[in-house]
Amino acid sequence: MRLLAAMIILFGTAFSAFAAMSGNEIRSELIGKNLSWKNGKYSGTASYASNGSAKVSIKGADNDTGRWTLKGNQLCITWKRTRGGKEGCFTVNKTGSKTYKYSNGSVVTVR
């Protein structure tokens, strides 16, 4: 019985670590921080300022600026050039103490 209880606690904790973060969690853990990111063959740095502005640098490409907002539990970003200026909204999962995975496949690390 103790083994079963321990397994339920262990697996419940492991699964909750991969649950989508709330808007408040995204705000407290990513906003105002310097971030590194990687998505497939692309990587770079990004930051989301508390005033809603955003900056991204892509290794081997031009930098871009834009705006971010939270819509419920999604981080939404509109870049001036990236994605043709169209908004992209993503859920964010915490995968480690300073690592996150966006629903678009980007792996983000707080530097």
Protein backbone atom coordinates (compact mmCIF):
# COMPACT_ATOMS: atom_id res chain seq x y z
CA MET A 1 0.00 0.00 0.00
CA ARG A 2 2.83 2.41 0.81
CA LEU A 3 4.47 1.59 -2.51
CA LEU A 4 1.27 2.40 -4.37
CA ALA A 5 0.91 5.71 -2.50
CA ALA A 6 4.55 6.60 -3.25
CA MET A 7 4.07 5.79 -6.96
CA ILE A 8 0.95 7.97 -7.13
CA ILE A 9 2.82 10.87 -5.52
CA LEU A 10 5.89 10.37 -7.74
CA PHE A 11 4.00 10.12 -11.01
CA GLY A 12 1.57 12.88 -10.08
CA THR A 13 4.52 15.21 -9.44
CA ALA A 14 6.27 14.19 -12.66
CA PHE A 15 3.18 14.77 -14.79
CA SER A 16 2.43 18.13 -13.18
CA ALA A 17 5.92 19.35 -14.13
CA PHE A 18 4.84 19.14 -17.77
CA ALA A 19 1.52 20.95 -17.34
CA ALA A 20 1.10 24.26 -19.15
CA MET A 21 2.07 27.23 -17.01
CA SER A 22 -0.51 29.82 -16.01
CA GLY A 23 -0.30 33.38 -17.26
CA ASN A 24 0.87 34.50 -13.82
CA GLU A 25 3.63 31.86 -13.80
CA ILE A 26 4.77 32.93 -17.27
CA ARG A 27 4.86 36.55 -16.13
CA SER A 28 6.88 35.82 -12.99
CA GLU A 29 9.36 33.39 -14.56
CA LEU A 30 10.01 34.78 -18.07
CA ILE A 31 9.10 38.47 -18.21
CA GLY A 32 12.02 40.81 -17.54
CA LYS A 33 14.56 37.98 -17.89
CA ASN A 34 17.30 37.42 -20.47
CA LEU A 35 16.53 34.25 -22.39
CA SER A 36 18.36 31.89 -24.72
CA TRP A 37 16.28 29.83 -27.14
CA LYS A 38 16.64 27.05 -29.71
CA ASN A 39 14.13 25.75 -32.23
CA GLY A 40 15.43 23.22 -34.73
CA LYS A 41 18.46 24.67 -36.51
CA TYR A 42 17.74 28.21 -35.24
CA SER A 43 18.87 29.71 -31.94
CA GLY A 44 19.44 33.07 -30.32
CA THR A 45 18.43 35.28 -27.43
CA ALA A 46 15.21 37.04 -26.48
CA SER A 47 13.70 39.26 -23.83
CA TYR A 48 10.18 40.36 -22.94
CA ALA A 49 10.11 43.66 -21.03
CA SER A 50 7.46 44.46 -18.42
CA ASN A 51 6.16 47.28 -20.66
CA GLY A 52 5.09 44.75 -23.33
CA SER A 53 8.02 45.24 -25.69
CA ALA A 54 10.02 42.25 -26.96
CA LYS A 55 13.41 41.74 -28.60
CA VAL A 56 14.84 38.69 -30.34
CA SER A 57 18.18 37.95 -31.94
CA ILE A 58 18.61 35.02 -34.27
CA LYS A 59 22.13 33.72 -34.86
CA GLY A 60 23.08 34.41 -38.47
CA ALA A 61 20.05 36.63 -39.11
CA ASP A 62 18.70 40.08 -38.33
CA ASN A 63 17.34 41.05 -34.93
CA ASP A 64 13.65 41.81 -34.55
CA THR A 65 11.45 43.72 -32.12
CA GLY A 66 7.80 43.43 -31.27
CA ARG A 67 5.18 43.23 -28.56
CA TRP A 68 4.12 40.47 -26.18
CA THR A 69 0.92 39.91 -24.22
CA LEU A 70 -0.67 37.17 -22.19
CA LYS A 71 -3.98 35.74 -23.37
CA GLY A 72 -5.15 33.44 -20.63
CA ASN A 73 -2.36 30.89 -20.21
CA GLN A 74 -0.67 31.65 -23.53
CA LEU A 75 2.27 33.91 -24.29
CA CYS A 76 1.44 35.81 -27.49
CA ILE A 77 4.14 37.63 -29.45
CA THR A 78 3.89 39.80 -32.55
CA TRP A 79 7.25 40.50 -34.20
CA LYS A 80 7.67 43.25 -36.81
CA ARG A 81 9.19 40.88 -39.41
CA THR A 82 9.20 37.35 -38.03
CA ARG A 83 6.13 35.33 -39.10
CA GLY A 84 5.27 38.19 -41.44
CA GLY A 85 4.19 40.33 -38.48
CA LYS A 86 1.45 37.87 -37.48
CA GLU A 87 0.83 37.12 -33.83
CA GLY A 88 1.89 33.73 -32.50
CA CYS A 89 0.47 32.37 -29.23
CA PHE A 90 2.10 29.54 -27.30
CA THR A 91 1.58 27.54 -24.16
CA VAL A 92 4.70 27.25 -22.00
CA ASN A 93 5.75 24.17 -20.02
CA LYS A 94 8.42 24.31 -17.35
CA THR A 95 10.91 21.49 -17.93
CA GLY A 96 13.61 22.35 -15.37
CA SER A 97 14.58 25.00 -12.84
CA LYS A 98 15.41 27.48 -15.64
CA THR A 99 14.23 25.68 -18.78
CA TYR A 100 10.93 25.85 -20.62
CA LYS A 101 9.38 24.43 -23.75
CA TYR A 102 6.95 26.44 -25.87
CA SER A 103 4.18 24.70 -27.81
CA ASN A 104 5.92 25.72 -31.07
CA GLY A 105 8.88 23.52 -30.11
CA SER A 106 11.22 26.24 -28.87
CA VAL A 107 13.36 25.32 -25.86
CA VAL A 108 14.01 28.41 -23.72
CA THR A 109 16.52 28.90 -20.91
CA VAL A 110 16.67 31.80 -18.45
CA ARG A 111 20.29 33.02 -18.54
